[in-house]
Amino acid sequence: MAPNIKFNNFTIDHVSSSSGVFSGDNLQQNFSYQARKNEGNGTVNGNHNLIYNNKHVVTKTKPEQDRS
């Protein structure tokens, strides 16, 4: 006997690019996600910080699986 789960209220606040919502009898095949996020400055913590005349370089490289 298959489990039977019922919700009186079900809310999804956020679905990101690598998420999925499935209902009923289904089969997910080849469900994948790939992304790249390039940032140059990073994080500055503390009080009274001054940031000026900065130069940032982001070097794009191929993902590990694509490198030969």
PDB file of N, CA and C in Angstrom:
ATOM      1  N   MET A   1       0.839  -1.174   0.000  1.00  0.00           N
ATOM      2  CA  MET A   1       0.000   0.000   0.000  1.00  0.00           C
ATOM      3  C   MET A   1       0.889   1.243   0.000  1.00  0.00           C
ATOM      4  N   ALA A   2       0.648   2.167  -0.925  1.00  0.00           N
ATOM      5  CA  ALA A   2       1.423   3.403  -1.031  1.00  0.00           C
ATOM      6  C   ALA A   2       1.037   4.354   0.095  1.00  0.00           C
ATOM      7  N   PRO A   3       2.013   5.149   0.599  1.00  0.00           N
ATOM      8  CA  PRO A   3       1.687   6.110   1.649  1.00  0.00           C
ATOM      9  C   PRO A   3       0.756   7.197   1.128  1.00  0.00           C
ATOM     10  N   ASN A   4      -0.075   7.711   2.003  1.00  0.00           N
ATOM     11  CA  ASN A   4      -1.010   8.773   1.659  1.00  0.00           C
ATOM     12  C   ASN A   4      -0.786   9.919   2.624  1.00  0.00           C
ATOM     13  N   ILE A   5      -0.268  11.047   2.117  1.00  0.00           N
ATOM     14  CA  ILE A   5       0.033  12.211   2.949  1.00  0.00           C
ATOM     15  C   ILE A   5      -0.850  13.360   2.485  1.00  0.00           C
ATOM     16  N   LYS A   6      -1.542  14.000   3.429  1.00  0.00           N
ATOM     17  CA  LYS A   6      -2.398  15.138   3.105  1.00  0.00           C
ATOM     18  C   LYS A   6      -1.989  16.342   3.937  1.00  0.00           C
ATOM     19  N   PHE A   7      -1.967  17.517   3.314  1.00  0.00           N
ATOM     20  CA  PHE A   7      -1.657  18.762   3.996  1.00  0.00           C
ATOM     21  C   PHE A   7      -2.892  19.648   3.973  1.00  0.00           C
ATOM     22  N   ASN A   8      -3.219  20.271   5.087  1.00  0.00           N
ATOM     23  CA  ASN A   8      -4.299  21.256   5.113  1.00  0.00           C
ATOM     24  C   ASN A   8      -3.872  22.548   4.438  1.00  0.00           C
ATOM     25  N   ASN A   9      -2.580  22.881   4.557  1.00  0.00           N
ATOM     26  CA  ASN A   9      -2.043  24.092   3.959  1.00  0.00           C
ATOM     27  C   ASN A   9      -0.605  23.810   3.558  1.00  0.00           C
ATOM     28  N   PHE A  10      -0.238  24.177   2.357  1.00  0.00           N
ATOM     29  CA  PHE A  10       1.111  23.933   1.866  1.00  0.00           C
ATOM     30  C   PHE A  10       1.568  25.174   1.112  1.00  0.00           C
ATOM     31  N   THR A  11       2.644  25.811   1.563  1.00  0.00           N
ATOM     32  CA  THR A  11       3.147  27.033   0.946  1.00  0.00           C
ATOM     33  C   THR A  11       4.590  26.842   0.512  1.00  0.00           C
ATOM     34  N   ILE A  12       4.895  27.277  -0.689  1.00  0.00           N
ATOM     35  CA  ILE A  12       6.272  27.270  -1.181  1.00  0.00           C
ATOM     36  C   ILE A  12       6.710  28.721  -1.252  1.00  0.00           C
ATOM     37  N   ASP A  13       7.688  29.095  -0.417  1.00  0.00           N
ATOM     38  CA  ASP A  13       8.141  30.482  -0.363  1.00  0.00           C
ATOM     39  C   ASP A  13       9.079  30.827  -1.513  1.00  0.00           C
ATOM     40  N   HIS A  14       9.913  29.888  -1.929  1.00  0.00           N
ATOM     41  CA  HIS A  14      10.911  30.195  -2.957  1.00  0.00           C
ATOM     42  C   HIS A  14      11.297  28.912  -3.685  1.00  0.00           C
ATOM     43  N   VAL A  15      11.362  28.990  -4.983  1.00  0.00           N
ATOM     44  CA  VAL A  15      11.870  27.883  -5.796  1.00  0.00           C
ATOM     45  C   VAL A  15      13.055  28.421  -6.567  1.00  0.00           C
ATOM     46  N   SER A  16      14.242  27.915  -6.270  1.00  0.00           N
ATOM     47  CA  SER A  16      15.442  28.386  -6.961  1.00  0.00           C
ATOM     48  C   SER A  16      15.616  27.637  -8.268  1.00  0.00           C
ATOM     49  N   SER A  17      16.634  28.013  -8.998  1.00  0.00           N
ATOM     50  CA  SER A  17      16.872  27.409 -10.313  1.00  0.00           C
ATOM     51  C   SER A  17      17.158  25.912 -10.239  1.00  0.00           C
ATOM     52  N   SER A  18      17.656  25.461  -9.094  1.00  0.00           N
ATOM     53  CA  SER A  18      17.985  24.051  -8.974  1.00  0.00           C
ATOM     54  C   SER A  18      16.924  23.269  -8.205  1.00  0.00           C
ATOM     55  N   SER A  19      15.736  23.833  -8.076  1.00  0.00           N
ATOM     56  CA  SER A  19      14.658  23.180  -7.340  1.00  0.00           C
ATOM     57  C   SER A  19      13.540  22.767  -8.278  1.00  0.00           C
ATOM     58  N   GLY A  20      12.710  21.889  -7.800  1.00  0.00           N
ATOM     59  CA  GLY A  20      11.536  21.490  -8.557  1.00  0.00           C
ATOM     60  C   GLY A  20      10.409  21.122  -7.625  1.00  0.00           C
ATOM     61  N   VAL A  21       9.188  21.299  -8.079  1.00  0.00           N
ATOM     62  CA  VAL A  21       8.014  20.907  -7.312  1.00  0.00           C
ATOM     63  C   VAL A  21       7.243  19.915  -8.167  1.00  0.00           C
ATOM     64  N   PHE A  22       7.059  18.725  -7.664  1.00  0.00           N
ATOM     65  CA  PHE A  22       6.406  17.667  -8.415  1.00  0.00           C
ATOM     66  C   PHE A  22       5.245  17.124  -7.605  1.00  0.00           C
ATOM     67  N   SER A  23       4.195  16.736  -8.274  1.00  0.00           N
ATOM     68  CA  SER A  23       3.023  16.226  -7.588  1.00  0.00           C
ATOM     69  C   SER A  23       2.468  15.041  -8.365  1.00  0.00           C
ATOM     70  N   GLY A  24       1.912  14.095  -7.657  1.00  0.00           N
ATOM     71  CA  GLY A  24       1.297  12.945  -8.323  1.00  0.00           C
ATOM     72  C   GLY A  24       2.314  11.892  -8.698  1.00  0.00           C
ATOM     73  N   ASP A  25       1.901  10.943  -9.501  1.00  0.00           N
ATOM     74  CA  ASP A  25       2.796   9.901  -9.991  1.00  0.00           C
ATOM     75  C   ASP A  25       3.658  10.488 -11.090  1.00  0.00           C
ATOM     76  N   ASN A  26       4.954  10.574 -10.859  1.00  0.00           N
ATOM     77  CA  ASN A  26       5.847  11.159 -11.854  1.00  0.00           C
ATOM     78  C   ASN A  26       7.237  10.572 -11.721  1.00  0.00           C
ATOM     79  N   LEU A  27       8.028  10.762 -12.748  1.00  0.00           N
ATOM     80  CA  LEU A  27       9.406  10.287 -12.785  1.00  0.00           C
ATOM     81  C   LEU A  27      10.260  11.394 -13.380  1.00  0.00           C
ATOM     82  N   GLN A  28      11.198  11.905 -12.601  1.00  0.00           N
ATOM     83  CA  GLN A  28      12.098  12.944 -13.095  1.00  0.00           C
ATOM     84  C   GLN A  28      13.346  12.285 -13.659  1.00  0.00           C
ATOM     85  N   GLN A  29      13.623  12.547 -14.927  1.00  0.00           N
ATOM     86  CA  GLN A  29      14.827  12.009 -15.555  1.00  0.00           C
ATOM     87  C   GLN A  29      15.667  13.160 -16.071  1.00  0.00           C
ATOM     88  N   ASN A  30      16.973  13.012 -15.956  1.00  0.00           N
ATOM     89  CA  ASN A  30      17.917  14.025 -16.432  1.00  0.00           C
ATOM     90  C   ASN A  30      17.614  15.407 -15.850  1.00  0.00           C
ATOM     91  N   PHE A  31      17.224  15.444 -14.599  1.00  0.00           N
ATOM     92  CA  PHE A  31      16.928  16.703 -13.901  1.00  0.00           C
ATOM     93  C   PHE A  31      18.245  17.225 -13.358  1.00  0.00           C
ATOM     94  N   SER A  32      18.749  18.305 -13.934  1.00  0.00           N
ATOM     95  CA  SER A  32      20.039  18.836 -13.491  1.00  0.00           C
ATOM     96  C   SER A  32      20.054  20.355 -13.626  1.00  0.00           C
ATOM     97  N   TYR A  33      21.042  20.968 -12.993  1.00  0.00           N
ATOM     98  CA  TYR A  33      21.194  22.411 -13.036  1.00  0.00           C
ATOM     99  C   TYR A  33      22.674  22.743 -12.960  1.00  0.00           C
ATOM    100  N   GLN A  34      23.082  23.759 -13.715  1.00  0.00           N
ATOM    101  CA  GLN A  34      24.473  24.180 -13.696  1.00  0.00           C
ATOM    102  C   GLN A  34      24.514  25.699 -13.743  1.00  0.00           C
ATOM    103  N   ALA A  35      25.326  26.307 -12.903  1.00  0.00           N
ATOM    104  CA  ALA A  35      25.388  27.770 -12.860  1.00  0.00           C
ATOM    105  C   ALA A  35      26.788  28.225 -12.482  1.00  0.00           C
ATOM    106  N   ARG A  36      27.060  29.485 -12.761  1.00  0.00           N
ATOM    107  CA  ARG A  36      28.335  30.086 -12.401  1.00  0.00           C
ATOM    108  C   ARG A  36      28.054  31.460 -11.812  1.00  0.00           C
ATOM    109  N   LYS A  37      28.741  31.785 -10.745  1.00  0.00           N
ATOM    110  CA  LYS A  37      28.580  33.088 -10.108  1.00  0.00           C
ATOM    111  C   LYS A  37      29.961  33.704  -9.951  1.00  0.00           C
ATOM    112  N   ASN A  38      30.195  34.815 -10.617  1.00  0.00           N
ATOM    113  CA  ASN A  38      31.486  35.496 -10.555  1.00  0.00           C
ATOM    114  C   ASN A  38      31.342  36.781  -9.748  1.00  0.00           C
ATOM    115  N   GLU A  39      32.193  36.937  -8.737  1.00  0.00           N
ATOM    116  CA  GLU A  39      32.170  38.132  -7.911  1.00  0.00           C
ATOM    117  C   GLU A  39      33.605  38.632  -7.734  1.00  0.00           C
ATOM    118  N   GLY A  40      33.766  39.935  -7.674  1.00  0.00           N
ATOM    119  CA  GLY A  40      35.111  40.482  -7.595  1.00  0.00           C
ATOM    120  C   GLY A  40      35.501  41.068  -6.264  1.00  0.00           C
ATOM    121  N   ASN A  41      34.568  41.633  -5.515  1.00  0.00           N
ATOM    122  CA  ASN A  41      34.937  42.355  -4.297  1.00  0.00           C
ATOM    123  C   ASN A  41      34.931  41.476  -3.062  1.00  0.00           C
ATOM    124  N   GLY A  42      33.988  40.625  -2.912  1.00  0.00           N
ATOM    125  CA  GLY A  42      33.910  39.810  -1.708  1.00  0.00           C
ATOM    126  C   GLY A  42      33.163  40.517  -0.605  1.00  0.00           C
ATOM    127  N   THR A  43      33.568  40.314   0.639  1.00  0.00           N
ATOM    128  CA  THR A  43      32.861  40.851   1.803  1.00  0.00           C
ATOM    129  C   THR A  43      33.759  41.800   2.577  1.00  0.00           C
ATOM    130  N   VAL A  44      33.179  42.894   3.033  1.00  0.00           N
ATOM    131  CA  VAL A  44      33.890  43.844   3.895  1.00  0.00           C
ATOM    132  C   VAL A  44      33.147  43.891   5.226  1.00  0.00           C
ATOM    133  N   ASN A  45      33.833  43.542   6.303  1.00  0.00           N
ATOM    134  CA  ASN A  45      33.217  43.520   7.633  1.00  0.00           C
ATOM    135  C   ASN A  45      33.822  44.598   8.516  1.00  0.00           C
ATOM    136  N   GLY A  46      33.081  44.998   9.516  1.00  0.00           N
ATOM    137  CA  GLY A  46      33.592  45.938  10.503  1.00  0.00           C
ATOM    138  C   GLY A  46      32.898  47.281  10.417  1.00  0.00           C
ATOM    139  N   ASN A  47      33.416  48.228  11.180  1.00  0.00           N
ATOM    140  CA  ASN A  47      32.847  49.573  11.236  1.00  0.00           C
ATOM    141  C   ASN A  47      33.803  50.583  10.603  1.00  0.00           C
ATOM    142  N   HIS A  48      33.237  51.619  10.011  1.00  0.00           N
ATOM    143  CA  HIS A  48      33.999  52.757   9.465  1.00  0.00           C
ATOM    144  C   HIS A  48      34.982  52.320   8.376  1.00  0.00           C
ATOM    145  N   ASN A  49      34.590  51.390   7.536  1.00  0.00           N
ATOM    146  CA  ASN A  49      35.452  50.932   6.444  1.00  0.00           C
ATOM    147  C   ASN A  49      35.387  51.909   5.279  1.00  0.00           C
ATOM    148  N   LEU A  50      36.521  52.158   4.676  1.00  0.00           N
ATOM    149  CA  LEU A  50      36.600  52.975   3.470  1.00  0.00           C
ATOM    150  C   LEU A  50      37.137  52.103   2.342  1.00  0.00           C
ATOM    151  N   ILE A  51      36.423  52.103   1.241  1.00  0.00           N
ATOM    152  CA  ILE A  51      36.859  51.319   0.085  1.00  0.00           C
ATOM    153  C   ILE A  51      36.896  52.269  -1.105  1.00  0.00           C
ATOM    154  N   TYR A  52      38.070  52.464  -1.682  1.00  0.00           N
ATOM    155  CA  TYR A  52      38.175  53.364  -2.824  1.00  0.00           C
ATOM    156  C   TYR A  52      39.349  52.942  -3.707  1.00  0.00           C
ATOM    157  N   ASN A  53      39.276  53.315  -4.965  1.00  0.00           N
ATOM    158  CA  ASN A  53      40.313  53.008  -5.962  1.00  0.00           C
ATOM    159  C   ASN A  53      40.627  51.517  -6.045  1.00  0.00           C
ATOM    160  N   ASN A  54      39.633  50.692  -5.834  1.00  0.00           N
ATOM    161  CA  ASN A  54      39.858  49.247  -5.910  1.00  0.00           C
ATOM    162  C   ASN A  54      39.802  48.779  -7.355  1.00  0.00           C
ATOM    163  N   LYS A  55      40.549  47.743  -7.636  1.00  0.00           N
ATOM    164  CA  LYS A  55      40.502  47.093  -8.937  1.00  0.00           C
ATOM    165  C   LYS A  55      40.305  45.603  -8.683  1.00  0.00           C
ATOM    166  N   HIS A  56      39.338  45.041  -9.372  1.00  0.00           N
ATOM    167  CA  HIS A  56      39.010  43.636  -9.170  1.00  0.00           C
ATOM    168  C   HIS A  56      39.084  42.912 -10.502  1.00  0.00           C
ATOM    169  N   VAL A  57      39.609  41.720 -10.482  1.00  0.00           N
ATOM    170  CA  VAL A  57      39.700  40.909 -11.689  1.00  0.00           C
ATOM    171  C   VAL A  57      39.002  39.589 -11.420  1.00  0.00           C
ATOM    172  N   VAL A  58      38.091  39.239 -12.295  1.00  0.00           N
ATOM    173  CA  VAL A  58      37.434  37.936 -12.225  1.00  0.00           C
ATOM    174  C   VAL A  58      37.871  37.154 -13.451  1.00  0.00           C
ATOM    175  N   THR A  59      38.551  36.051 -13.228  1.00  0.00           N
ATOM    176  CA  THR A  59      39.022  35.226 -14.325  1.00  0.00           C
ATOM    177  C   THR A  59      38.035  34.107 -14.544  1.00  0.00           C
ATOM    178  N   LYS A  60      37.472  34.064 -15.725  1.00  0.00           N
ATOM    179  CA  LYS A  60      36.510  33.017 -16.045  1.00  0.00           C
ATOM    180  C   LYS A  60      37.268  31.767 -16.490  1.00  0.00           C
ATOM    181  N   THR A  61      36.904  30.650 -15.898  1.00  0.00           N
ATOM    182  CA  THR A  61      37.462  29.368 -16.309  1.00  0.00           C
ATOM    183  C   THR A  61      36.328  28.431 -16.645  1.00  0.00           C
ATOM    184  N   LYS A  62      36.632  27.405 -17.396  1.00  0.00           N
ATOM    185  CA  LYS A  62      35.620  26.416 -17.719  1.00  0.00           C
ATOM    186  C   LYS A  62      35.308  25.601 -16.471  1.00  0.00           C
ATOM    187  N   PRO A  63      34.064  25.139 -16.326  1.00  0.00           N
ATOM    188  CA  PRO A  63      33.750  24.239 -15.215  1.00  0.00           C
ATOM    189  C   PRO A  63      34.627  22.993 -15.273  1.00  0.00           C
ATOM    190  N   GLU A  64      34.882  22.391 -14.144  1.00  0.00           N
ATOM    191  CA  GLU A  64      35.757  21.219 -14.046  1.00  0.00           C
ATOM    192  C   GLU A  64      35.429  20.132 -15.074  1.00  0.00           C
ATOM    193  N   GLN A  65      34.159  19.871 -15.286  1.00  0.00           N
ATOM    194  CA  GLN A  65      33.783  18.783 -16.176  1.00  0.00           C
ATOM    195  C   GLN A  65      34.067  19.098 -17.642  1.00  0.00           C
ATOM    196  N   ASP A  66      34.227  20.391 -17.990  1.00  0.00           N
ATOM    197  CA  ASP A  66      34.480  20.774 -19.369  1.00  0.00           C
ATOM    198  C   ASP A  66      35.968  20.913 -19.680  1.00  0.00           C
ATOM    199  N   ARG A  67      36.816  20.863 -18.685  1.00  0.00           N
ATOM    200  CA  ARG A  67      38.267  21.047 -18.914  1.00  0.00           C
ATOM    201  C   ARG A  67      38.857  19.802 -19.554  1.00  0.00           C
ATOM    202  N   SER A  68      39.783  20.051 -20.461  1.00  0.00           N
ATOM    203  CA  SER A  68      40.457  18.923 -21.139  1.00  0.00           C
ATOM    204  C   SER A  68      41.851  18.767 -20.614  1.00  0.00           C
TER     205      SER A  68
END
